[in-house]
Protein backbone atom coordinates (compact mmCIF):
# COMPACT_ATOMS: atom_id res chain seq x y z
CA UNK A 1 -24.67 -2.80 -9.16
CA UNK A 2 -20.91 -3.19 -9.16
CA UNK A 3 -19.99 -5.67 -6.45
CA UNK A 4 -16.36 -5.87 -5.32
CA UNK A 5 -14.51 -8.24 -2.99
CA UNK A 6 -10.80 -7.77 -2.29
CA UNK A 7 -7.99 -8.35 0.16
CA UNK A 8 -6.28 -5.00 0.78
CA UNK A 9 -3.54 -3.41 2.84
CA UNK A 10 -4.31 -0.01 4.40
CA UNK A 11 -1.79 2.73 3.56
CA UNK A 12 -3.43 5.94 4.85
CA UNK A 13 -6.59 6.73 6.85
CA UNK A 14 -8.62 9.96 7.19
CA UNK A 15 -12.14 11.10 8.01
CA UNK A 16 -14.54 12.96 5.75
CA UNK A 17 -17.78 14.13 7.35
CA UNK A 18 -19.05 11.02 9.15
CA UNK A 19 -17.15 8.56 6.95
CA UNK A 20 -13.79 6.91 7.44
CA UNK A 21 -11.78 6.66 4.23
CA UNK A 22 -8.59 4.76 3.53
CA UNK A 23 -6.13 4.54 0.67
CA UNK A 24 -5.36 0.86 0.13
CA UNK A 25 -3.27 -1.31 -2.11
CA UNK A 26 -3.99 -4.79 -3.42
CA UNK A 27 -1.68 -7.19 -5.16
CA UNK A 28 -2.51 -7.55 -8.85
CA UNK A 29 -3.49 -11.15 -9.72
CA UNK A 30 -1.07 -13.16 -11.83
CA UNK A 31 -3.53 -13.52 -14.72
CA UNK A 32 -3.89 -9.72 -15.10
CA UNK A 33 -1.53 -7.81 -17.41
CA UNK A 34 1.52 -6.59 -15.45
CA UNK A 35 2.03 -2.90 -14.67
CA UNK A 36 5.37 -1.17 -15.14
CA UNK A 37 4.85 0.68 -11.81
CA UNK A 38 4.85 -2.51 -9.76
CA UNK A 39 2.63 -5.38 -8.64
CA UNK A 40 -0.03 -3.32 -6.79
CA UNK A 41 -3.26 -1.54 -7.67
CA UNK A 42 -4.48 1.32 -5.45
CA UNK A 43 -7.95 2.61 -4.59
CA UNK A 44 -9.78 4.53 -1.88
CA UNK A 45 -12.29 2.70 0.29
CA UNK A 46 -15.02 4.38 2.33
CA UNK A 47 -16.76 3.16 5.47
CA UNK A 48 -20.03 5.17 5.48
CA UNK A 49 -20.78 6.36 9.01
CA UNK A 50 -17.51 4.85 10.22
CA UNK A 51 -16.72 7.72 12.59
CA UNK A 52 -19.90 7.21 14.60
CA UNK A 53 -19.19 3.48 14.75
CA UNK A 54 -15.65 4.24 15.99
CA UNK A 55 -14.13 1.82 13.52
CA UNK A 56 -10.46 1.07 14.16
CA UNK A 57 -8.87 1.26 10.72
CA UNK A 58 -5.12 1.94 10.65
CA UNK A 59 -2.13 1.84 8.27
CA UNK A 60 -0.58 -1.60 7.86
CA UNK A 61 -3.84 -3.42 8.51
CA UNK A 62 -4.83 -6.21 6.12
CA UNK A 63 -8.55 -6.39 5.43
CA UNK A 64 -10.98 -8.50 3.44
CA UNK A 65 -13.60 -6.10 2.11
CA UNK A 66 -16.80 -6.38 0.11
CA UNK A 67 -18.64 -3.40 -1.29
CA UNK A 68 -19.89 -1.38 -4.20
CA UNK A 69 -17.61 0.29 -6.77
CA UNK A 70 -18.59 3.95 -7.19
CA UNK A 71 -17.24 7.03 -8.94
CA UNK A 72 -17.74 10.77 -8.67
CA UNK A 73 -16.44 13.90 -10.38
CA UNK A 74 -15.15 16.84 -8.37
CA UNK A 75 -13.81 20.23 -9.42
CA UNK A 76 -10.68 21.11 -7.42
CA UNK A 77 -8.65 24.37 -7.51
CA UNK A 78 -5.18 24.04 -9.08
CA UNK A 79 -3.65 25.58 -5.97
CA UNK A 80 -4.91 22.60 -3.93
CA UNK A 81 -3.32 20.10 -6.32
CA UNK A 82 0.00 21.59 -7.46
CA UNK A 83 2.83 23.48 -5.79
CA UNK A 84 4.15 26.72 -7.28
CA UNK A 85 0.99 27.63 -9.20
CA UNK A 86 0.92 31.31 -10.28
CA UNK A 87 -1.46 33.33 -8.09
CA UNK A 88 -3.81 34.09 -10.99
CA UNK A 89 -4.29 30.36 -11.66
CA UNK A 90 -4.61 29.08 -8.08
CA UNK A 91 -8.41 29.28 -8.06
CA UNK A 92 -8.88 27.82 -11.54
CA UNK A 93 -10.56 24.46 -11.17
CA UNK A 94 -9.86 21.18 -12.90
CA UNK A 95 -12.13 18.15 -12.89
CA UNK A 96 -10.98 14.94 -11.23
CA UNK A 97 -12.73 11.60 -11.34
CA UNK A 98 -12.55 9.60 -8.13
CA UNK A 99 -13.25 5.88 -7.94
CA UNK A 100 -13.83 4.31 -4.56
CA UNK A 101 -15.32 1.27 -2.94
CA UNK A 102 -18.16 1.83 -0.46
CA UNK A 103 -17.52 -0.95 2.04
CA UNK A 104 -20.59 -2.97 3.05
CA UNK A 105 -18.76 -5.83 4.84
CA UNK A 106 -15.22 -6.25 6.11
CA UNK A 107 -12.99 -8.39 8.27
CA UNK A 108 -9.56 -7.71 9.82
CA UNK A 109 -7.13 -10.37 8.58
CA UNK A 110 -4.62 -9.60 11.33
C-alpha cells in the first residue's frame, strides 16, 4: 500500500456522496527539485464517510494527515471541462486521471 503523511493547507472543500473532499496545498521540501510554478504541490484529499461524521473541514485550515495514495480514471465530457466548446463536441469525453489521498488519520494544527 502507498502510505502518505503530510502537513497541508486546505484551499477548497466540497462533498461527494457521503465523502468530504478538499483541495490542499503542501510546501515542497527543500531537497526536492524546485518547480517553476512556485513552492507548493497540490492534491485532493478525501475523508470517506466524512459527511455522516459531520467533519469540520474548511479553507485556511492547516492539517496533519495520514492516508493512502490512490488514483482513478474518469471520462468527462469536454463541455464540463472547457468553455466555448462547439455544440457537436460538448458530449465528447476525454479521460482524466485523478490522484487523491484517502485520509485515515488527521489532526487540526490550528
